[in-house]
Each structure stands twice: as C-alpha cells, then as structure tokens.
C-alpha cells in the first residue's frame, strides 16, 4: 500500500505526519539511504516526550484518537497474564491523502 507521508486532516485542514515505524518501509522516489535517513529523522522528531501522552488507566476509562494524526502504542505497564479487555471501533471516513 502506498500513501502520503504528510496528509491534510479533512476536518481541520491541518497537516499531519502519517507514519508508522513498524509499517512504513520507504519513501517512494528516494534512494534507500536517503529514505531511511528521512524516516529516522521523522521518527526521532515525532517521538519526543513533548508530543507524548501516557494514560494511567482506570476501570471505565474510554479513549478516542484519530489514527490520521497520532501514533499510538501499548505500554507494558501491567502484570503478565493480567486480563485486559479492549474494544476497537473503526469509523468510516476519508482515505488519508
């Protein structure tokens, strides 16, 4: 799948980085070394603590986010084997572009 690295949020008109460290392979049209350097730079910038939100979960919490404008990952802050229940809802919307 090919998609832009920078997208425009349709609701706000603001630009957003559309990137996933584990899934973005390269930037089309760039040499591999140039693409790798750019993606490493992007990853370094967007994962700075100033841009991070860490949630301290409590029973009953609900979080919503827009995958077109945030990067999310699991925190391994719970005991191994602890039962966790997650429900994922996907809303229909525009394809990033």
N, C-alpha and C. Protein backbone atom coordinates (compact mmCIF):
# COMPACT_ATOMS: atom_id res chain seq x y z
N UNK A 1 0.85 -1.17 0.00
CA UNK A 1 0.00 0.00 0.00
C UNK A 1 0.90 1.23 0.00
N UNK A 2 0.56 2.19 -0.81
CA UNK A 2 1.28 3.46 -0.87
C UNK A 2 0.36 4.56 -0.39
N UNK A 3 0.90 5.43 0.47
CA UNK A 3 0.13 6.58 0.94
C UNK A 3 1.09 7.73 1.21
N UNK A 4 0.58 8.94 1.28
CA UNK A 4 1.45 10.10 1.52
C UNK A 4 2.03 10.07 2.93
N UNK A 5 3.21 10.63 3.10
CA UNK A 5 3.84 10.76 4.41
C UNK A 5 3.23 11.93 5.17
N UNK A 6 2.80 12.94 4.45
CA UNK A 6 2.13 14.10 5.05
C UNK A 6 0.72 14.16 4.46
N UNK A 7 -0.27 14.22 5.34
CA UNK A 7 -1.67 14.29 4.90
C UNK A 7 -2.30 15.57 5.43
N UNK A 8 -3.45 15.91 4.89
CA UNK A 8 -4.23 17.04 5.38
C UNK A 8 -5.46 16.49 6.09
N UNK A 9 -5.64 16.87 7.35
CA UNK A 9 -6.82 16.46 8.09
C UNK A 9 -8.04 17.12 7.46
N UNK A 10 -9.01 16.33 6.99
CA UNK A 10 -10.14 16.93 6.29
C UNK A 10 -10.99 17.85 7.15
N UNK A 11 -11.11 17.56 8.44
CA UNK A 11 -11.95 18.40 9.31
C UNK A 11 -11.28 19.72 9.67
N UNK A 12 -9.96 19.70 9.93
CA UNK A 12 -9.28 20.91 10.39
C UNK A 12 -8.49 21.62 9.31
N UNK A 13 -8.13 20.89 8.25
CA UNK A 13 -7.27 21.46 7.22
C UNK A 13 -5.80 21.48 7.62
N UNK A 14 -5.47 20.97 8.82
CA UNK A 14 -4.08 20.96 9.29
C UNK A 14 -3.33 19.77 8.70
N UNK A 15 -2.02 19.95 8.57
CA UNK A 15 -1.16 18.89 8.07
C UNK A 15 -0.80 17.94 9.22
N UNK A 16 -0.62 16.67 8.88
CA UNK A 16 -0.24 15.66 9.86
C UNK A 16 0.72 14.67 9.22
N UNK A 17 1.64 14.16 10.02
CA UNK A 17 2.54 13.09 9.57
C UNK A 17 1.75 11.79 9.64
N UNK A 18 1.72 11.04 8.56
CA UNK A 18 1.00 9.76 8.51
C UNK A 18 2.07 8.68 8.37
N UNK A 19 2.53 8.17 9.53
CA UNK A 19 3.72 7.34 9.56
C UNK A 19 3.61 6.33 10.69
N UNK A 20 4.10 5.14 10.44
CA UNK A 20 4.17 4.10 11.46
C UNK A 20 5.53 3.43 11.33
N UNK A 21 6.33 3.52 12.39
CA UNK A 21 7.69 2.98 12.37
C UNK A 21 7.72 1.52 11.94
N UNK A 22 6.74 0.74 12.39
CA UNK A 22 6.72 -0.69 12.09
C UNK A 22 6.18 -1.03 10.70
N UNK A 23 5.53 -0.09 10.06
CA UNK A 23 4.86 -0.41 8.79
C UNK A 23 5.34 0.42 7.60
N UNK A 24 5.99 1.55 7.86
CA UNK A 24 6.46 2.38 6.75
C UNK A 24 7.82 1.86 6.29
N UNK A 25 7.89 1.42 5.06
CA UNK A 25 9.11 0.81 4.52
C UNK A 25 10.07 1.84 3.95
N UNK A 26 9.53 2.74 3.14
CA UNK A 26 10.40 3.72 2.49
C UNK A 26 9.57 4.83 1.88
N UNK A 27 10.27 5.86 1.43
CA UNK A 27 9.63 6.98 0.72
C UNK A 27 9.83 6.73 -0.77
N UNK A 28 8.73 6.62 -1.48
CA UNK A 28 8.78 6.36 -2.92
C UNK A 28 9.50 7.51 -3.61
N UNK A 29 10.38 7.16 -4.54
CA UNK A 29 11.10 8.16 -5.33
C UNK A 29 12.43 8.58 -4.73
N UNK A 30 12.77 8.05 -3.55
CA UNK A 30 14.05 8.37 -2.92
C UNK A 30 14.95 7.13 -2.93
N UNK A 31 16.24 7.36 -2.97
CA UNK A 31 17.18 6.27 -2.77
C UNK A 31 16.98 5.71 -1.37
N UNK A 32 17.24 4.41 -1.20
CA UNK A 32 17.00 3.76 0.10
C UNK A 32 17.70 4.50 1.24
N UNK A 33 18.96 4.87 1.08
CA UNK A 33 19.69 5.53 2.17
C UNK A 33 19.08 6.88 2.51
N UNK A 34 18.67 7.62 1.49
CA UNK A 34 18.04 8.93 1.71
C UNK A 34 16.68 8.76 2.39
N UNK A 35 15.90 7.78 1.95
CA UNK A 35 14.60 7.49 2.55
C UNK A 35 14.77 7.06 4.00
N UNK A 36 15.70 6.15 4.27
CA UNK A 36 15.94 5.69 5.65
C UNK A 36 16.33 6.85 6.55
N UNK A 37 17.20 7.73 6.06
CA UNK A 37 17.63 8.88 6.86
C UNK A 37 16.44 9.81 7.17
N UNK A 38 15.59 10.05 6.18
CA UNK A 38 14.42 10.91 6.38
C UNK A 38 13.46 10.28 7.39
N UNK A 39 13.16 8.99 7.24
CA UNK A 39 12.23 8.33 8.15
C UNK A 39 12.80 8.24 9.57
N UNK A 40 14.11 8.04 9.70
CA UNK A 40 14.73 8.06 11.03
C UNK A 40 14.58 9.43 11.67
N UNK A 41 14.76 10.49 10.88
CA UNK A 41 14.61 11.86 11.38
C UNK A 41 13.17 12.11 11.80
N UNK A 42 12.21 11.69 10.97
CA UNK A 42 10.78 11.85 11.30
C UNK A 42 10.48 11.14 12.62
N UNK A 43 10.93 9.89 12.74
CA UNK A 43 10.67 9.11 13.95
C UNK A 43 11.27 9.79 15.18
N UNK A 44 12.48 10.30 15.06
CA UNK A 44 13.13 10.99 16.19
C UNK A 44 12.33 12.22 16.61
N UNK A 45 11.82 12.97 15.65
CA UNK A 45 11.07 14.18 15.95
C UNK A 45 9.71 13.88 16.58
N UNK A 46 8.96 12.95 16.01
CA UNK A 46 7.59 12.74 16.46
C UNK A 46 7.48 11.93 17.74
N UNK A 47 8.57 11.30 18.18
CA UNK A 47 8.51 10.51 19.41
C UNK A 47 9.12 11.24 20.60
N UNK A 48 9.39 12.52 20.47
CA UNK A 48 9.93 13.31 21.58
C UNK A 48 8.91 13.37 22.72
N UNK A 49 9.37 13.43 23.96
CA UNK A 49 8.46 13.50 25.11
C UNK A 49 7.45 14.64 25.04
N UNK A 50 7.80 15.75 24.41
CA UNK A 50 6.87 16.89 24.32
C UNK A 50 5.59 16.53 23.58
N UNK A 51 5.65 15.51 22.73
CA UNK A 51 4.50 15.12 21.93
C UNK A 51 3.82 13.86 22.44
N UNK A 52 4.19 13.42 23.63
CA UNK A 52 3.71 12.14 24.15
C UNK A 52 2.63 12.33 25.20
N UNK A 53 1.63 11.49 25.12
CA UNK A 53 0.61 11.40 26.16
C UNK A 53 0.61 9.97 26.68
N UNK A 54 0.77 9.82 27.97
CA UNK A 54 0.71 8.49 28.58
C UNK A 54 -0.48 8.45 29.52
N UNK A 55 -1.37 7.52 29.27
CA UNK A 55 -2.60 7.42 30.05
C UNK A 55 -2.43 6.44 31.20
N UNK A 56 -2.87 6.83 32.37
CA UNK A 56 -2.91 5.93 33.52
C UNK A 56 -4.32 5.38 33.59
N UNK A 57 -4.47 4.15 33.14
CA UNK A 57 -5.79 3.53 33.01
C UNK A 57 -6.45 3.28 34.34
N UNK A 58 -7.76 3.51 34.36
CA UNK A 58 -8.63 3.16 35.48
C UNK A 58 -9.85 2.46 34.90
N UNK A 59 -10.48 1.64 35.70
CA UNK A 59 -11.67 0.92 35.25
C UNK A 59 -12.69 1.94 34.73
N UNK A 60 -13.23 1.66 33.55
CA UNK A 60 -14.25 2.53 32.96
C UNK A 60 -13.70 3.58 32.02
N UNK A 61 -12.38 3.74 31.92
CA UNK A 61 -11.81 4.74 31.02
C UNK A 61 -12.12 4.40 29.57
N UNK A 62 -12.35 5.44 28.79
CA UNK A 62 -12.53 5.32 27.34
C UNK A 62 -11.64 6.38 26.69
N UNK A 63 -10.85 5.98 25.73
CA UNK A 63 -10.02 6.91 24.98
C UNK A 63 -10.39 6.83 23.51
N UNK A 64 -10.40 7.97 22.86
CA UNK A 64 -10.62 8.06 21.42
C UNK A 64 -9.43 8.78 20.81
N UNK A 65 -9.01 8.35 19.66
CA UNK A 65 -7.98 9.09 18.94
C UNK A 65 -8.20 8.89 17.45
N UNK A 66 -7.61 9.77 16.70
CA UNK A 66 -7.72 9.75 15.25
C UNK A 66 -6.38 9.26 14.69
N UNK A 67 -6.38 8.07 14.14
CA UNK A 67 -5.13 7.49 13.63
C UNK A 67 -4.49 8.32 12.53
N UNK A 68 -5.22 9.26 11.98
CA UNK A 68 -4.65 10.11 10.95
C UNK A 68 -3.76 11.20 11.54
N UNK A 69 -3.74 11.34 12.85
CA UNK A 69 -2.96 12.42 13.44
C UNK A 69 -2.19 12.05 14.69
N UNK A 70 -2.22 10.78 15.09
CA UNK A 70 -1.47 10.36 16.28
C UNK A 70 -0.80 9.01 16.01
N UNK A 71 0.20 8.75 16.79
CA UNK A 71 0.85 7.44 16.78
C UNK A 71 0.57 6.85 18.14
N UNK A 72 0.12 5.63 18.18
CA UNK A 72 -0.17 5.03 19.48
C UNK A 72 0.54 3.70 19.61
N UNK A 73 0.84 3.34 20.85
CA UNK A 73 1.46 2.06 21.14
C UNK A 73 1.06 1.64 22.55
N UNK A 74 1.19 0.37 22.81
CA UNK A 74 0.84 -0.16 24.12
C UNK A 74 1.99 0.09 25.10
N UNK A 75 1.63 0.44 26.31
CA UNK A 75 2.61 0.50 27.39
C UNK A 75 2.59 -0.85 28.09
N UNK A 76 3.72 -1.41 28.32
CA UNK A 76 3.78 -2.69 29.02
C UNK A 76 3.85 -2.43 30.52
N UNK A 77 2.79 -1.80 31.03
CA UNK A 77 2.76 -1.39 32.44
C UNK A 77 1.74 -2.20 33.24
N UNK A 78 1.57 -3.45 32.87
CA UNK A 78 0.61 -4.31 33.57
C UNK A 78 1.23 -5.68 33.73
N UNK A 79 0.83 -6.40 34.77
CA UNK A 79 1.43 -7.72 35.01
C UNK A 79 1.12 -8.71 33.88
N UNK A 80 2.12 -9.51 33.53
CA UNK A 80 1.94 -10.55 32.53
C UNK A 80 0.84 -11.49 33.01
N UNK A 81 -0.08 -11.82 32.13
CA UNK A 81 -1.17 -12.71 32.48
C UNK A 81 -2.41 -11.99 33.00
N UNK A 82 -2.30 -10.70 33.27
CA UNK A 82 -3.46 -9.94 33.74
C UNK A 82 -4.47 -9.83 32.61
N UNK A 83 -5.73 -10.08 32.92
CA UNK A 83 -6.79 -10.00 31.91
C UNK A 83 -7.05 -8.53 31.57
N UNK A 84 -7.06 -8.24 30.29
CA UNK A 84 -7.37 -6.89 29.80
C UNK A 84 -8.41 -7.03 28.72
N UNK A 85 -9.37 -6.16 28.72
CA UNK A 85 -10.43 -6.19 27.70
C UNK A 85 -10.36 -4.89 26.92
N UNK A 86 -10.26 -5.02 25.61
CA UNK A 86 -10.21 -3.86 24.72
C UNK A 86 -11.31 -4.01 23.69
N UNK A 87 -11.91 -2.93 23.33
CA UNK A 87 -12.86 -2.92 22.23
C UNK A 87 -12.41 -1.86 21.24
N UNK A 88 -12.34 -2.23 20.01
CA UNK A 88 -11.89 -1.32 18.97
C UNK A 88 -13.08 -0.98 18.08
N UNK A 89 -13.22 0.29 17.80
CA UNK A 89 -14.28 0.78 16.92
C UNK A 89 -13.60 1.52 15.77
N UNK A 90 -13.95 1.18 14.56
CA UNK A 90 -13.43 1.88 13.39
C UNK A 90 -14.58 2.61 12.73
N UNK A 91 -14.36 3.90 12.52
CA UNK A 91 -15.38 4.71 11.88
C UNK A 91 -15.03 4.89 10.41
N UNK A 92 -16.03 4.88 9.59
CA UNK A 92 -15.82 5.09 8.17
C UNK A 92 -15.43 6.55 7.95
N UNK A 93 -14.50 6.76 7.05
CA UNK A 93 -14.07 8.12 6.76
C UNK A 93 -13.29 8.19 5.48
N UNK A 94 -12.71 9.34 5.22
CA UNK A 94 -11.92 9.55 4.03
C UNK A 94 -10.62 8.78 4.12
N UNK A 95 -10.14 8.33 2.98
CA UNK A 95 -8.82 7.71 2.91
C UNK A 95 -7.78 8.82 3.06
N UNK A 96 -6.74 8.60 3.87
CA UNK A 96 -5.73 9.65 4.05
C UNK A 96 -5.14 10.09 2.70
N UNK A 97 -4.97 11.38 2.58
CA UNK A 97 -4.43 11.89 1.34
C UNK A 97 -4.12 13.34 1.42
